[in-house]
Amino acid sequence: MTTHVNKQLTNDQLAELRQRGLINYDENAFFAGDLLIAENPVTSSRRVVGEAAILSENSNKRVLKG
């Protein structure tokens, strides 16, 4: 028996994806394995946004002082 566990995103992560234009205002997003999936809750249509690393690309950048 295979179980599929979808990990929900935080509100901050959803806001970042919307700001970057990766998901629409009427879509929700979640992780399914190593993929980021966008889903429209009204139509139940789903699409692959990209790999899960798409969220961590900008979040780990810091200014280093030397």
Protein backbone atom coordinates (compact mmCIF):
# COMPACT_ATOMS: atom_id res chain seq x y z
CA MET A 1 0.00 0.00 0.00
CA THR A 2 1.46 3.36 -1.03
CA THR A 3 0.73 6.50 0.96
CA HIS A 4 1.13 9.93 -0.56
CA VAL A 5 1.92 12.65 1.93
CA ASN A 6 1.51 16.22 0.74
CA LYS A 7 3.26 18.88 2.80
CA GLN A 8 1.42 22.17 3.01
CA LEU A 9 3.29 25.46 2.62
CA THR A 10 3.23 28.29 5.12
CA ASN A 11 1.38 31.52 4.37
CA ASP A 12 4.73 33.28 3.93
CA GLN A 13 5.85 30.71 1.37
CA LEU A 14 2.57 31.04 -0.55
CA ALA A 15 2.89 34.84 -0.52
CA GLU A 16 6.44 34.59 -1.88
CA LEU A 17 5.33 32.29 -4.70
CA ARG A 18 2.51 34.67 -5.62
CA GLN A 19 4.83 37.68 -5.50
CA ARG A 20 7.31 35.92 -7.80
CA GLY A 21 4.47 35.05 -10.19
CA LEU A 22 4.88 31.29 -9.82
CA ILE A 23 1.33 30.66 -8.63
CA ASN A 24 -1.86 32.61 -9.23
CA TYR A 25 -3.89 34.32 -6.51
CA ASP A 26 -6.61 31.66 -6.80
CA GLU A 27 -4.18 28.73 -6.44
CA ASN A 28 -2.83 26.89 -3.44
CA ALA A 29 0.51 25.07 -3.45
CA PHE A 30 1.99 22.07 -1.68
CA PHE A 31 4.96 19.74 -1.83
CA ALA A 32 4.40 16.28 -3.28
CA GLY A 33 7.69 14.49 -2.79
CA ASP A 34 10.37 16.71 -4.31
CA LEU A 35 7.94 18.64 -6.54
CA LEU A 36 6.05 21.85 -5.90
CA ILE A 37 2.44 21.50 -7.10
CA ALA A 38 -0.06 24.33 -7.65
CA GLU A 39 -3.76 23.46 -7.33
CA ASN A 40 -6.86 25.48 -8.04
CA PRO A 41 -9.33 24.46 -5.29
CA VAL A 42 -12.38 25.41 -7.37
CA THR A 43 -11.57 23.41 -10.52
CA SER A 44 -9.23 20.85 -8.87
CA SER A 45 -6.76 21.37 -11.70
CA ARG A 46 -3.13 20.81 -10.76
CA ARG A 47 0.18 21.72 -12.37
CA VAL A 48 3.83 21.24 -11.52
CA VAL A 49 5.51 24.53 -10.61
CA GLY A 50 8.99 23.07 -10.22
CA GLU A 51 11.23 21.30 -7.80
CA ALA A 52 10.95 21.93 -4.07
CA ALA A 53 14.30 23.76 -4.11
CA ILE A 54 12.58 26.67 -5.91
CA LEU A 55 11.56 28.10 -2.53
CA SER A 56 14.99 27.88 -0.94
CA GLU A 57 16.76 29.63 -3.83
CA ASN A 58 16.21 33.14 -2.44
CA SER A 59 15.59 32.39 1.23
CA ASN A 60 19.18 31.44 2.10
CA LYS A 61 20.90 34.49 0.65
CA ARG A 62 22.62 36.72 3.19
CA VAL A 63 25.03 39.61 3.09
CA LEU A 64 28.41 38.54 4.37
CA LYS A 65 30.51 41.09 6.22
CA GLY A 66 34.26 40.79 5.84
